[in-house]
Amino acid sequence: ARWGAPHEQPDHGDRACRAALAMQRVLPEVNARWQDVVGLLTSVSIGVNTGDAFVGNIGTPQKFKYGAL
């Protein structure tokens, strides 16, 4: 996920940390629902980074997306 693009959000770091904590909080529920289907526990690693980034439309007419580098 990303915050602050295309419009600036001064609290982007707080938003990123809250999202990461929410992902960790629901992981036990995800595992309870899917472990029997998948056969394994799901685990996640979360990295949070702030700073400048190049953000915009990236790709070709065949494969196109809005993203950050």
PDB file of N, CA and C in Angstrom:
ATOM      1  N   ALA A   1       0.851  -1.174   0.000  1.00  0.00           N
ATOM      2  CA  ALA A   1       0.000   0.000   0.000  1.00  0.00           C
ATOM      3  C   ALA A   1       0.888   1.226   0.000  1.00  0.00           C
ATOM      4  N   ARG A   2       0.334   2.324  -0.390  1.00  0.00           N
ATOM      5  CA  ARG A   2       1.086   3.575  -0.356  1.00  0.00           C
ATOM      6  C   ARG A   2       0.148   4.714  -0.008  1.00  0.00           C
ATOM      7  N   TRP A   3       0.702   5.712   0.645  1.00  0.00           N
ATOM      8  CA  TRP A   3      -0.032   6.906   1.005  1.00  0.00           C
ATOM      9  C   TRP A   3       0.753   8.110   0.536  1.00  0.00           C
ATOM     10  N   GLY A   4       0.070   9.219   0.374  1.00  0.00           N
ATOM     11  CA  GLY A   4       0.733  10.458  -0.013  1.00  0.00           C
ATOM     12  C   GLY A   4       0.833  10.677  -1.510  1.00  0.00           C
ATOM     13  N   ALA A   5       0.226   9.828  -2.306  1.00  0.00           N
ATOM     14  CA  ALA A   5       0.226   9.999  -3.758  1.00  0.00           C
ATOM     15  C   ALA A   5      -1.112   9.491  -4.287  1.00  0.00           C
ATOM     16  N   PRO A   6      -1.758  10.188  -5.138  1.00  0.00           N
ATOM     17  CA  PRO A   6      -1.284  11.379  -5.821  1.00  0.00           C
ATOM     18  C   PRO A   6      -1.431  12.667  -5.009  1.00  0.00           C
ATOM     19  N   HIS A   7      -2.047  12.617  -3.830  1.00  0.00           N
ATOM     20  CA  HIS A   7      -2.198  13.821  -3.008  1.00  0.00           C
ATOM     21  C   HIS A   7      -1.421  13.641  -1.709  1.00  0.00           C
ATOM     22  N   GLU A   8      -0.782  14.711  -1.255  1.00  0.00           N
ATOM     23  CA  GLU A   8       0.035  14.642  -0.047  1.00  0.00           C
ATOM     24  C   GLU A   8      -0.820  14.306   1.178  1.00  0.00           C
ATOM     25  N   GLN A   9      -0.292  13.473   2.049  1.00  0.00           N
ATOM     26  CA  GLN A   9      -0.923  13.129   3.317  1.00  0.00           C
ATOM     27  C   GLN A   9       0.150  13.241   4.400  1.00  0.00           C
ATOM     28  N   PRO A  10       0.120  14.319   5.192  1.00  0.00           N
ATOM     29  CA  PRO A  10       1.168  14.522   6.197  1.00  0.00           C
ATOM     30  C   PRO A  10       1.282  13.383   7.211  1.00  0.00           C
ATOM     31  N   ASP A  11       0.208  12.632   7.443  1.00  0.00           N
ATOM     32  CA  ASP A  11       0.237  11.538   8.417  1.00  0.00           C
ATOM     33  C   ASP A  11       0.478  10.182   7.758  1.00  0.00           C
ATOM     34  N   HIS A  12       1.163  10.163   6.610  1.00  0.00           N
ATOM     35  CA  HIS A  12       1.343   8.917   5.865  1.00  0.00           C
ATOM     36  C   HIS A  12       2.078   7.846   6.678  1.00  0.00           C
ATOM     37  N   GLY A  13       3.033   8.235   7.493  1.00  0.00           N
ATOM     38  CA  GLY A  13       3.756   7.267   8.315  1.00  0.00           C
ATOM     39  C   GLY A  13       2.842   6.608   9.344  1.00  0.00           C
ATOM     40  N   ASP A  14       1.998   7.406   9.977  1.00  0.00           N
ATOM     41  CA  ASP A  14       1.039   6.858  10.938  1.00  0.00           C
ATOM     42  C   ASP A  14       0.074   5.902  10.261  1.00  0.00           C
ATOM     43  N   ARG A  15      -0.395   6.273   9.083  1.00  0.00           N
ATOM     44  CA  ARG A  15      -1.322   5.411   8.341  1.00  0.00           C
ATOM     45  C   ARG A  15      -0.663   4.075   7.993  1.00  0.00           C
ATOM     46  N   ALA A  16       0.589   4.130   7.573  1.00  0.00           N
ATOM     47  CA  ALA A  16       1.302   2.904   7.216  1.00  0.00           C
ATOM     48  C   ALA A  16       1.476   1.995   8.437  1.00  0.00           C
ATOM     49  N   CYS A  17       1.833   2.576   9.559  1.00  0.00           N
ATOM     50  CA  CYS A  17       2.009   1.773  10.776  1.00  0.00           C
ATOM     51  C   CYS A  17       0.688   1.186  11.250  1.00  0.00           C
ATOM     52  N   ARG A  18      -0.398   1.958  11.191  1.00  0.00           N
ATOM     53  CA  ARG A  18      -1.707   1.420  11.593  1.00  0.00           C
ATOM     54  C   ARG A  18      -2.129   0.275  10.680  1.00  0.00           C
ATOM     55  N   ALA A  19      -1.857   0.402   9.393  1.00  0.00           N
ATOM     56  CA  ALA A  19      -2.199  -0.679   8.457  1.00  0.00           C
ATOM     57  C   ALA A  19      -1.382  -1.939   8.764  1.00  0.00           C
ATOM     58  N   ALA A  20      -0.095  -1.777   9.056  1.00  0.00           N
ATOM     59  CA  ALA A  20       0.755  -2.929   9.379  1.00  0.00           C
ATOM     60  C   ALA A  20       0.266  -3.627  10.647  1.00  0.00           C
ATOM     61  N   LEU A  21      -0.081  -2.853  11.664  1.00  0.00           N
ATOM     62  CA  LEU A  21      -0.588  -3.443  12.905  1.00  0.00           C
ATOM     63  C   LEU A  21      -1.918  -4.144  12.687  1.00  0.00           C
ATOM     64  N   ALA A  22      -2.776  -3.578  11.854  1.00  0.00           N
ATOM     65  CA  ALA A  22      -4.063  -4.213  11.554  1.00  0.00           C
ATOM     66  C   ALA A  22      -3.858  -5.536  10.822  1.00  0.00           C
ATOM     67  N   MET A  23      -2.892  -5.591   9.917  1.00  0.00           N
ATOM     68  CA  MET A  23      -2.592  -6.844   9.219  1.00  0.00           C
ATOM     69  C   MET A  23      -2.140  -7.909  10.210  1.00  0.00           C
ATOM     70  N   GLN A  24      -1.277  -7.543  11.144  1.00  0.00           N
ATOM     71  CA  GLN A  24      -0.814  -8.506  12.142  1.00  0.00           C
ATOM     72  C   GLN A  24      -1.959  -8.953  13.049  1.00  0.00           C
ATOM     73  N   ARG A  25      -2.860  -8.020  13.368  1.00  0.00           N
ATOM     74  CA  ARG A  25      -3.964  -8.324  14.272  1.00  0.00           C
ATOM     75  C   ARG A  25      -4.936  -9.348  13.688  1.00  0.00           C
ATOM     76  N   VAL A  26      -5.173  -9.318  12.379  1.00  0.00           N
ATOM     77  CA  VAL A  26      -6.144 -10.237  11.771  1.00  0.00           C
ATOM     78  C   VAL A  26      -5.512 -11.546  11.287  1.00  0.00           C
ATOM     79  N   LEU A  27      -4.203 -11.660  11.364  1.00  0.00           N
ATOM     80  CA  LEU A  27      -3.543 -12.870  10.876  1.00  0.00           C
ATOM     81  C   LEU A  27      -4.045 -14.151  11.554  1.00  0.00           C
ATOM     82  N   PRO A  28      -4.272 -14.181  12.868  1.00  0.00           N
ATOM     83  CA  PRO A  28      -4.819 -15.405  13.459  1.00  0.00           C
ATOM     84  C   PRO A  28      -6.176 -15.803  12.871  1.00  0.00           C
ATOM     85  N   GLU A  29      -7.008 -14.835  12.566  1.00  0.00           N
ATOM     86  CA  GLU A  29      -8.307 -15.115  11.939  1.00  0.00           C
ATOM     87  C   GLU A  29      -8.126 -15.679  10.529  1.00  0.00           C
ATOM     88  N   VAL A  30      -7.188 -15.121   9.779  1.00  0.00           N
ATOM     89  CA  VAL A  30      -6.898 -15.621   8.436  1.00  0.00           C
ATOM     90  C   VAL A  30      -6.430 -17.078   8.518  1.00  0.00           C
ATOM     91  N   ASN A  31      -5.528 -17.348   9.461  1.00  0.00           N
ATOM     92  CA  ASN A  31      -5.035 -18.719   9.609  1.00  0.00           C
ATOM     93  C   ASN A  31      -6.142 -19.673  10.017  1.00  0.00           C
ATOM     94  N   ALA A  32      -7.018 -19.259  10.921  1.00  0.00           N
ATOM     95  CA  ALA A  32      -8.118 -20.125  11.348  1.00  0.00           C
ATOM     96  C   ALA A  32      -9.029 -20.471  10.179  1.00  0.00           C
ATOM     97  N   ARG A  33      -9.214 -19.521   9.287  1.00  0.00           N
ATOM     98  CA  ARG A  33     -10.118 -19.737   8.147  1.00  0.00           C
ATOM     99  C   ARG A  33      -9.483 -20.560   7.036  1.00  0.00           C
ATOM    100  N   TRP A  34      -8.177 -20.366   6.788  1.00  0.00           N
ATOM    101  CA  TRP A  34      -7.560 -20.929   5.584  1.00  0.00           C
ATOM    102  C   TRP A  34      -6.555 -22.050   5.811  1.00  0.00           C
ATOM    103  N   GLN A  35      -6.140 -22.323   7.026  1.00  0.00           N
ATOM    104  CA  GLN A  35      -5.097 -23.324   7.241  1.00  0.00           C
ATOM    105  C   GLN A  35      -5.503 -24.700   6.696  1.00  0.00           C
ATOM    106  N   ASP A  36      -6.730 -25.102   6.903  1.00  0.00           N
ATOM    107  CA  ASP A  36      -7.157 -26.406   6.391  1.00  0.00           C
ATOM    108  C   ASP A  36      -7.177 -26.447   4.865  1.00  0.00           C
ATOM    109  N   VAL A  37      -7.474 -25.321   4.233  1.00  0.00           N
ATOM    110  CA  VAL A  37      -7.531 -25.257   2.766  1.00  0.00           C
ATOM    111  C   VAL A  37      -6.119 -25.221   2.178  1.00  0.00           C
ATOM    112  N   VAL A  38      -5.275 -24.378   2.747  1.00  0.00           N
ATOM    113  CA  VAL A  38      -3.924 -24.171   2.219  1.00  0.00           C
ATOM    114  C   VAL A  38      -2.968 -25.261   2.705  1.00  0.00           C
ATOM    115  N   GLY A  39      -3.185 -25.738   3.916  1.00  0.00           N
ATOM    116  CA  GLY A  39      -2.323 -26.776   4.462  1.00  0.00           C
ATOM    117  C   GLY A  39      -1.159 -26.251   5.274  1.00  0.00           C
ATOM    118  N   LEU A  40      -1.025 -24.953   5.366  1.00  0.00           N
ATOM    119  CA  LEU A  40       0.060 -24.327   6.124  1.00  0.00           C
ATOM    120  C   LEU A  40      -0.457 -23.078   6.816  1.00  0.00           C
ATOM    121  N   LEU A  41       0.283 -22.636   7.819  1.00  0.00           N
ATOM    122  CA  LEU A  41      -0.013 -21.337   8.420  1.00  0.00           C
ATOM    123  C   LEU A  41       0.508 -20.238   7.503  1.00  0.00           C
ATOM    124  N   THR A  42      -0.205 -19.157   7.452  1.00  0.00           N
ATOM    125  CA  THR A  42       0.232 -17.992   6.693  1.00  0.00           C
ATOM    126  C   THR A  42       1.034 -17.095   7.622  1.00  0.00           C
ATOM    127  N   SER A  43       2.122 -16.564   7.121  1.00  0.00           N
ATOM    128  CA  SER A  43       2.909 -15.588   7.875  1.00  0.00           C
ATOM    129  C   SER A  43       3.175 -14.397   6.957  1.00  0.00           C
ATOM    130  N   VAL A  44       3.420 -13.266   7.571  1.00  0.00           N
ATOM    131  CA  VAL A  44       3.695 -12.068   6.781  1.00  0.00           C
ATOM    132  C   VAL A  44       4.916 -11.350   7.345  1.00  0.00           C
ATOM    133  N   SER A  45       5.599 -10.662   6.473  1.00  0.00           N
ATOM    134  CA  SER A  45       6.650  -9.732   6.854  1.00  0.00           C
ATOM    135  C   SER A  45       6.223  -8.374   6.320  1.00  0.00           C
ATOM    136  N   ILE A  46       6.354  -7.373   7.141  1.00  0.00           N
ATOM    137  CA  ILE A  46       5.871  -6.048   6.767  1.00  0.00           C
ATOM    138  C   ILE A  46       7.022  -5.064   6.901  1.00  0.00           C
ATOM    139  N   GLY A  47       7.274  -4.313   5.858  1.00  0.00           N
ATOM    140  CA  GLY A  47       8.260  -3.250   5.898  1.00  0.00           C
ATOM    141  C   GLY A  47       7.575  -1.914   5.688  1.00  0.00           C
ATOM    142  N   VAL A  48       7.991  -0.918   6.440  1.00  0.00           N
ATOM    143  CA  VAL A  48       7.442   0.432   6.310  1.00  0.00           C
ATOM    144  C   VAL A  48       8.594   1.363   5.952  1.00  0.00           C
ATOM    145  N   ASN A  49       8.403   2.153   4.905  1.00  0.00           N
ATOM    146  CA  ASN A  49       9.429   3.069   4.454  1.00  0.00           C
ATOM    147  C   ASN A  49       8.778   4.410   4.164  1.00  0.00           C
ATOM    148  N   THR A  50       9.435   5.482   4.538  1.00  0.00           N
ATOM    149  CA  THR A  50       8.949   6.814   4.196  1.00  0.00           C
ATOM    150  C   THR A  50      10.053   7.548   3.455  1.00  0.00           C
ATOM    151  N   GLY A  51       9.643   8.518   2.701  1.00  0.00           N
ATOM    152  CA  GLY A  51      10.609   9.305   1.949  1.00  0.00           C
ATOM    153  C   GLY A  51      10.117   9.535   0.540  1.00  0.00           C
ATOM    154  N   ASP A  52      10.959  10.126  -0.255  1.00  0.00           N
ATOM    155  CA  ASP A  52      10.598  10.446  -1.637  1.00  0.00           C
ATOM    156  C   ASP A  52      10.520   9.184  -2.483  1.00  0.00           C
ATOM    157  N   ALA A  53       9.620   9.213  -3.447  1.00  0.00           N
ATOM    158  CA  ALA A  53       9.482   8.099  -4.390  1.00  0.00           C
ATOM    159  C   ALA A  53       9.003   8.654  -5.716  1.00  0.00           C
ATOM    160  N   PHE A  54       9.321   7.959  -6.789  1.00  0.00           N
ATOM    161  CA  PHE A  54       8.765   8.269  -8.090  1.00  0.00           C
ATOM    162  C   PHE A  54       7.431   7.538  -8.186  1.00  0.00           C
ATOM    163  N   VAL A  55       6.363   8.278  -8.406  1.00  0.00           N
ATOM    164  CA  VAL A  55       5.021   7.702  -8.437  1.00  0.00           C
ATOM    165  C   VAL A  55       4.314   8.177  -9.690  1.00  0.00           C
ATOM    166  N   GLY A  56       3.653   7.256 -10.369  1.00  0.00           N
ATOM    167  CA  GLY A  56       2.894   7.643 -11.552  1.00  0.00           C
ATOM    168  C   GLY A  56       2.524   6.439 -12.395  1.00  0.00           C
ATOM    169  N   ASN A  57       2.115   6.730 -13.597  1.00  0.00           N
ATOM    170  CA  ASN A  57       1.722   5.683 -14.535  1.00  0.00           C
ATOM    171  C   ASN A  57       2.964   4.999 -15.088  1.00  0.00           C
ATOM    172  N   ILE A  58       2.960   3.669 -15.006  1.00  0.00           N
ATOM    173  CA  ILE A  58       4.121   2.883 -15.419  1.00  0.00           C
ATOM    174  C   ILE A  58       3.648   1.757 -16.328  1.00  0.00           C
ATOM    175  N   GLY A  59       4.420   1.480 -17.378  1.00  0.00           N
ATOM    176  CA  GLY A  59       4.104   0.319 -18.195  1.00  0.00           C
ATOM    177  C   GLY A  59       3.964   0.637 -19.661  1.00  0.00           C
ATOM    178  N   THR A  60       3.298  -0.282 -20.344  1.00  0.00           N
ATOM    179  CA  THR A  60       3.069  -0.181 -21.776  1.00  0.00           C
ATOM    180  C   THR A  60       1.566  -0.297 -22.025  1.00  0.00           C
ATOM    181  N   PRO A  61       1.112  -0.075 -23.241  1.00  0.00           N
ATOM    182  CA  PRO A  61      -0.318  -0.240 -23.516  1.00  0.00           C
ATOM    183  C   PRO A  61      -0.838  -1.656 -23.201  1.00  0.00           C
ATOM    184  N   GLN A  62       0.049  -2.669 -23.261  1.00  0.00           N
ATOM    185  CA  GLN A  62      -0.363  -4.034 -22.969  1.00  0.00           C
ATOM    186  C   GLN A  62      -0.425  -4.318 -21.458  1.00  0.00           C
ATOM    187  N   LYS A  63       0.435  -3.683 -20.693  1.00  0.00           N
ATOM    188  CA  LYS A  63       0.456  -3.873 -19.248  1.00  0.00           C
ATOM    189  C   LYS A  63       0.764  -2.536 -18.596  1.00  0.00           C
ATOM    190  N   PHE A  64      -0.232  -1.990 -17.938  1.00  0.00           N
ATOM    191  CA  PHE A  64      -0.173  -0.620 -17.472  1.00  0.00           C
ATOM    192  C   PHE A  64      -0.682  -0.549 -16.049  1.00  0.00           C
ATOM    193  N   LYS A  65      -0.022   0.241 -15.187  1.00  0.00           N
ATOM    194  CA  LYS A  65      -0.528   0.437 -13.838  1.00  0.00           C
ATOM    195  C   LYS A  65      -0.001   1.735 -13.256  1.00  0.00           C
ATOM    196  N   TYR A  66      -0.651   2.160 -12.213  1.00  0.00           N
ATOM    197  CA  TYR A  66      -0.202   3.284 -11.418  1.00  0.00           C
ATOM    198  C   TYR A  66       0.613   2.693 -10.276  1.00  0.00           C
ATOM    199  N   GLY A  67       1.850   3.139 -10.115  1.00  0.00           N
ATOM    200  CA  GLY A  67       2.686   2.526  -9.095  1.00  0.00           C
ATOM    201  C   GLY A  67       3.773   3.454  -8.600  1.00  0.00           C
ATOM    202  N   ALA A  68       4.541   2.930  -7.676  1.00  0.00           N
ATOM    203  CA  ALA A  68       5.654   3.691  -7.078  1.00  0.00           C
ATOM    204  C   ALA A  68       6.954   2.930  -7.280  1.00  0.00           C
ATOM    205  N   LEU A  69       8.018   3.673  -7.500  1.00  0.00           N
ATOM    206  CA  LEU A  69       9.365   3.098  -7.597  1.00  0.00           C
ATOM    207  C   LEU A  69      10.216   3.632  -6.454  1.00  0.00           C
TER     208      LEU A  69
END
